[in-house]
Amino acid sequence: MPQGTLEVLLVSAKGLQNTEFLSKMDPYVILTCRSQEQRSSVASGQGLEPKWNENFVFTINAGASELNLKIMDKDTFTKDDFVGEATIPLEPLFVQGSLPSTAYSVVKDREYCGEIKVGLTFTIEGDSSWECCTEEAVKYGGWKESSY
């Protein structure tokens, strides 16, 4: 598993399901990668097609395999409403280094409820030959198989 820095460009969302009755939604996103959590600004009054264009940085270490984006609707007098979420696997990013702004499906209760557009960049730190070393460890049994 590589170690490095994950940069996330949270661009926009569209086709979201409305959680408000009388006004426009005020969506924001909670970005989670393992135990790290960050929150976007609230796209006040932007309704079903919010735009953020915000950058977030996460430190990637062993075990990080996905990025979770949870869209919420900010409410003033009641608990914020859950709009939906998207889970992005990071393995393709580790191989390619960057993924252009791409639309990912937002789901709620296993049903499609819009999409969220995100750009990703991964910068590896330390030894850049992690794939080679991982393959060698598997081929030769790794430390768990060692006789020491």
C-alpha atoms as a PDB file:
ATOM      1  CA  MET A   1       0.000   0.000   0.000  1.00  0.00           C
ATOM      2  CA  PRO A   2       1.489   3.338  -1.005  1.00  0.00           C
ATOM      3  CA  GLN A   3       1.968   6.251   1.331  1.00  0.00           C
ATOM      4  CA  GLY A   4       1.570   9.827   0.255  1.00  0.00           C
ATOM      5  CA  THR A   5      -0.799  12.724  -0.185  1.00  0.00           C
ATOM      6  CA  LEU A   6      -4.288  12.588  -1.645  1.00  0.00           C
ATOM      7  CA  GLU A   7      -5.550  15.876  -3.062  1.00  0.00           C
ATOM      8  CA  VAL A   8      -9.279  16.098  -3.670  1.00  0.00           C
ATOM      9  CA  LEU A   9     -10.904  18.784  -5.797  1.00  0.00           C
ATOM     10  CA  LEU A  10     -14.587  18.841  -4.865  1.00  0.00           C
ATOM     11  CA  VAL A  11     -16.177  20.419  -7.935  1.00  0.00           C
ATOM     12  CA  SER A  12     -19.972  20.141  -7.907  1.00  0.00           C
ATOM     13  CA  ALA A  13     -23.033  17.914  -7.713  1.00  0.00           C
ATOM     14  CA  LYS A  14     -26.162  17.633  -9.818  1.00  0.00           C
ATOM     15  CA  GLY A  15     -29.429  15.769  -9.937  1.00  0.00           C
ATOM     16  CA  LEU A  16     -29.659  15.590  -6.152  1.00  0.00           C
ATOM     17  CA  GLN A  17     -32.984  14.763  -4.544  1.00  0.00           C
ATOM     18  CA  ASN A  18     -34.554  17.671  -2.708  1.00  0.00           C
ATOM     19  CA  THR A  19     -34.827  17.309   1.066  1.00  0.00           C
ATOM     20  CA  GLU A  20     -36.526  20.689   1.553  1.00  0.00           C
ATOM     21  CA  PHE A  21     -40.225  21.508   1.236  1.00  0.00           C
ATOM     22  CA  LEU A  22     -40.338  25.300   1.167  1.00  0.00           C
ATOM     23  CA  SER A  23     -36.811  26.438   0.341  1.00  0.00           C
ATOM     24  CA  LYS A  24     -33.690  25.469  -1.578  1.00  0.00           C
ATOM     25  CA  MET A  25     -31.231  22.985  -0.119  1.00  0.00           C
ATOM     26  CA  ASP A  26     -27.974  24.196   1.437  1.00  0.00           C
ATOM     27  CA  PRO A  27     -25.706  21.204   0.679  1.00  0.00           C
ATOM     28  CA  TYR A  28     -22.254  20.465   2.049  1.00  0.00           C
ATOM     29  CA  VAL A  29     -20.007  17.406   1.843  1.00  0.00           C
ATOM     30  CA  ILE A  30     -18.242  15.401   4.543  1.00  0.00           C
ATOM     31  CA  LEU A  31     -15.137  13.809   3.014  1.00  0.00           C
ATOM     32  CA  THR A  32     -13.747  10.777   4.857  1.00  0.00           C
ATOM     33  CA  CYS A  33     -10.614   8.728   4.202  1.00  0.00           C
ATOM     34  CA  ARG A  34     -10.126   6.141   6.962  1.00  0.00           C
ATOM     35  CA  SER A  35     -10.061   8.139  10.226  1.00  0.00           C
ATOM     36  CA  GLN A  36      -9.517  11.540   8.548  1.00  0.00           C
ATOM     37  CA  GLU A  37     -12.590  13.677   8.055  1.00  0.00           C
ATOM     38  CA  GLN A  38     -12.987  17.103   6.437  1.00  0.00           C
ATOM     39  CA  ARG A  39     -16.018  19.189   5.627  1.00  0.00           C
ATOM     40  CA  SER A  40     -16.743  21.472   2.692  1.00  0.00           C
ATOM     41  CA  SER A  41     -18.339  24.862   2.936  1.00  0.00           C
ATOM     42  CA  VAL A  42     -22.129  25.062   2.745  1.00  0.00           C
ATOM     43  CA  ALA A  43     -23.367  25.877  -0.767  1.00  0.00           C
ATOM     44  CA  SER A  44     -26.066  28.190   0.581  1.00  0.00           C
ATOM     45  CA  GLY A  45     -29.202  28.366  -1.522  1.00  0.00           C
ATOM     46  CA  GLN A  46     -27.666  26.424  -4.423  1.00  0.00           C
ATOM     47  CA  GLY A  47     -30.274  23.690  -4.229  1.00  0.00           C
ATOM     48  CA  LEU A  48     -29.966  20.574  -6.361  1.00  0.00           C
ATOM     49  CA  GLU A  49     -26.890  21.640  -8.355  1.00  0.00           C
ATOM     50  CA  PRO A  50     -24.332  23.019  -5.883  1.00  0.00           C
ATOM     51  CA  LYS A  51     -20.809  24.103  -6.836  1.00  0.00           C
ATOM     52  CA  TRP A  52     -17.939  24.104  -4.353  1.00  0.00           C
ATOM     53  CA  ASN A  53     -14.613  24.115  -6.253  1.00  0.00           C
ATOM     54  CA  GLU A  54     -12.754  23.409  -3.005  1.00  0.00           C
ATOM     55  CA  ASN A  55      -9.509  21.517  -2.398  1.00  0.00           C
ATOM     56  CA  PHE A  56      -8.855  19.054   0.414  1.00  0.00           C
ATOM     57  CA  VAL A  57      -5.674  17.182   1.352  1.00  0.00           C
ATOM     58  CA  PHE A  58      -5.482  13.795   3.087  1.00  0.00           C
ATOM     59  CA  THR A  59      -2.452  11.829   4.262  1.00  0.00           C
ATOM     60  CA  ILE A  60      -2.571   8.312   2.839  1.00  0.00           C
ATOM     61  CA  ASN A  61      -1.020   5.410   4.712  1.00  0.00           C
ATOM     62  CA  ALA A  62      -1.498   1.666   5.051  1.00  0.00           C
ATOM     63  CA  GLY A  63      -5.091   0.515   4.702  1.00  0.00           C
ATOM     64  CA  ALA A  64      -6.532   3.527   2.882  1.00  0.00           C
ATOM     65  CA  SER A  65      -8.551   2.038   0.035  1.00  0.00           C
ATOM     66  CA  GLU A  66     -11.446   4.436  -0.550  1.00  0.00           C
ATOM     67  CA  LEU A  67     -12.710   7.971  -0.194  1.00  0.00           C
ATOM     68  CA  ASN A  68     -16.256   8.485   1.065  1.00  0.00           C
ATOM     69  CA  LEU A  69     -18.253  11.608   0.179  1.00  0.00           C
ATOM     70  CA  LYS A  70     -21.382  12.141   2.244  1.00  0.00           C
ATOM     71  CA  ILE A  71     -23.690  14.922   1.045  1.00  0.00           C
ATOM     72  CA  MET A  72     -25.727  16.669   3.716  1.00  0.00           C
ATOM     73  CA  ASP A  73     -28.293  19.472   3.655  1.00  0.00           C
ATOM     74  CA  LYS A  74     -27.688  22.152   6.294  1.00  0.00           C
ATOM     75  CA  ASP A  75     -30.791  22.954   8.330  1.00  0.00           C
ATOM     76  CA  THR A  76     -31.095  25.818  10.790  1.00  0.00           C
ATOM     77  CA  PHE A  77     -33.584  24.555  13.356  1.00  0.00           C
ATOM     78  CA  THR A  78     -33.472  20.784  12.839  1.00  0.00           C
ATOM     79  CA  LYS A  79     -30.887  18.074  12.336  1.00  0.00           C
ATOM     80  CA  ASP A  80     -29.075  18.255   8.963  1.00  0.00           C
ATOM     81  CA  ASP A  81     -30.590  15.957   6.317  1.00  0.00           C
ATOM     82  CA  PHE A  82     -28.659  13.116   4.691  1.00  0.00           C
ATOM     83  CA  VAL A  83     -28.878  13.557   0.900  1.00  0.00           C
ATOM     84  CA  GLY A  84     -26.728  10.629  -0.273  1.00  0.00           C
ATOM     85  CA  GLU A  85     -23.154   9.409  -0.560  1.00  0.00           C
ATOM     86  CA  ALA A  86     -20.525   8.251  -3.029  1.00  0.00           C
ATOM     87  CA  THR A  87     -17.628   5.891  -2.377  1.00  0.00           C
ATOM     88  CA  ILE A  88     -14.568   6.202  -4.594  1.00  0.00           C
ATOM     89  CA  PRO A  89     -12.037   3.334  -4.722  1.00  0.00           C
ATOM     90  CA  LEU A  90      -8.467   4.659  -4.554  1.00  0.00           C
ATOM     91  CA  GLU A  91      -6.612   1.755  -6.208  1.00  0.00           C
ATOM     92  CA  PRO A  92      -6.940   3.193  -9.776  1.00  0.00           C
ATOM     93  CA  LEU A  93      -5.622   6.507  -8.451  1.00  0.00           C
ATOM     94  CA  PHE A  94      -2.574   4.829  -6.873  1.00  0.00           C
ATOM     95  CA  VAL A  95      -1.741   3.317 -10.273  1.00  0.00           C
ATOM     96  CA  GLN A  96      -2.429   6.389 -12.456  1.00  0.00           C
ATOM     97  CA  GLY A  97      -1.386   9.198 -10.088  1.00  0.00           C
ATOM     98  CA  SER A  98      -4.298  11.446 -10.984  1.00  0.00           C
ATOM     99  CA  LEU A  99      -7.875  11.185 -12.156  1.00  0.00           C
ATOM    100  CA  PRO A 100      -9.505  14.157 -13.918  1.00  0.00           C
ATOM    101  CA  SER A 101     -12.764  15.595 -12.613  1.00  0.00           C
ATOM    102  CA  THR A 102     -15.148  12.656 -12.846  1.00  0.00           C
ATOM    103  CA  ALA A 103     -18.833  12.269 -11.943  1.00  0.00           C
ATOM    104  CA  TYR A 104     -19.527   9.554  -9.361  1.00  0.00           C
ATOM    105  CA  SER A 105     -22.995   8.211  -8.560  1.00  0.00           C
ATOM    106  CA  VAL A 106     -24.586   9.388  -5.329  1.00  0.00           C
ATOM    107  CA  VAL A 107     -26.736   6.750  -3.648  1.00  0.00           C
ATOM    108  CA  LYS A 108     -29.169   6.700  -0.753  1.00  0.00           C
ATOM    109  CA  ASP A 109     -30.795   3.484   0.425  1.00  0.00           C
ATOM    110  CA  ARG A 110     -29.117   1.703  -2.531  1.00  0.00           C
ATOM    111  CA  GLU A 111     -30.872   3.979  -5.032  1.00  0.00           C
ATOM    112  CA  TYR A 112     -29.263   6.457  -7.417  1.00  0.00           C
ATOM    113  CA  CYS A 113     -29.991  10.028  -6.368  1.00  0.00           C
ATOM    114  CA  GLY A 114     -27.631  12.221  -8.359  1.00  0.00           C
ATOM    115  CA  GLU A 115     -23.931  12.578  -8.983  1.00  0.00           C
ATOM    116  CA  ILE A 116     -20.942  14.357  -7.515  1.00  0.00           C
ATOM    117  CA  LYS A 117     -17.966  15.569  -9.540  1.00  0.00           C
ATOM    118  CA  VAL A 118     -14.496  15.166  -8.036  1.00  0.00           C
ATOM    119  CA  GLY A 119     -10.902  15.376  -9.287  1.00  0.00           C
ATOM    120  CA  LEU A 120      -8.184  13.347  -7.531  1.00  0.00           C
ATOM    121  CA  THR A 121      -4.385  13.514  -7.410  1.00  0.00           C
ATOM    122  CA  PHE A 122      -2.079  11.187  -5.483  1.00  0.00           C
ATOM    123  CA  THR A 123       1.540  12.088  -4.733  1.00  0.00           C
ATOM    124  CA  ILE A 124       3.585   9.182  -3.448  1.00  0.00           C
ATOM    125  CA  GLU A 125       6.066   9.812  -0.629  1.00  0.00           C
ATOM    126  CA  GLY A 126       9.265   7.938   0.068  1.00  0.00           C
ATOM    127  CA  ASP A 127      10.054   4.854  -2.017  1.00  0.00           C
ATOM    128  CA  SER A 128       8.243   5.189  -5.338  1.00  0.00           C
ATOM    129  CA  SER A 129       8.651   1.483  -6.143  1.00  0.00           C
ATOM    130  CA  TRP A 130       5.997   0.304  -3.682  1.00  0.00           C
ATOM    131  CA  GLU A 131       4.292  -1.935  -6.280  1.00  0.00           C
ATOM    132  CA  CYS A 132       7.540  -3.759  -7.016  1.00  0.00           C
ATOM    133  CA  CYS A 133       8.282  -4.256  -3.343  1.00  0.00           C
ATOM    134  CA  THR A 134       4.738  -5.431  -2.599  1.00  0.00           C
ATOM    135  CA  GLU A 135       4.948  -7.996  -5.396  1.00  0.00           C
ATOM    136  CA  GLU A 136       8.310  -9.235  -4.102  1.00  0.00           C
ATOM    137  CA  ALA A 137       6.943  -9.563  -0.569  1.00  0.00           C
ATOM    138  CA  VAL A 138       4.046 -11.663  -1.857  1.00  0.00           C
ATOM    139  CA  LYS A 139       6.325 -13.730  -4.107  1.00  0.00           C
ATOM    140  CA  TYR A 140       8.788 -14.516  -1.328  1.00  0.00           C
ATOM    141  CA  GLY A 141       6.278 -14.823   1.482  1.00  0.00           C
ATOM    142  CA  GLY A 142       6.700 -11.411   3.075  1.00  0.00           C
ATOM    143  CA  TRP A 143       7.534 -10.894   6.732  1.00  0.00           C
ATOM    144  CA  LYS A 144       4.635 -13.011   7.992  1.00  0.00           C
ATOM    145  CA  GLU A 145       6.136 -16.081   6.300  1.00  0.00           C
ATOM    146  CA  SER A 146       9.673 -15.388   7.447  1.00  0.00           C
ATOM    147  CA  SER A 147      11.481 -18.036   9.466  1.00  0.00           C
ATOM    148  CA  TYR A 148      13.054 -15.443  11.786  1.00  0.00           C
END
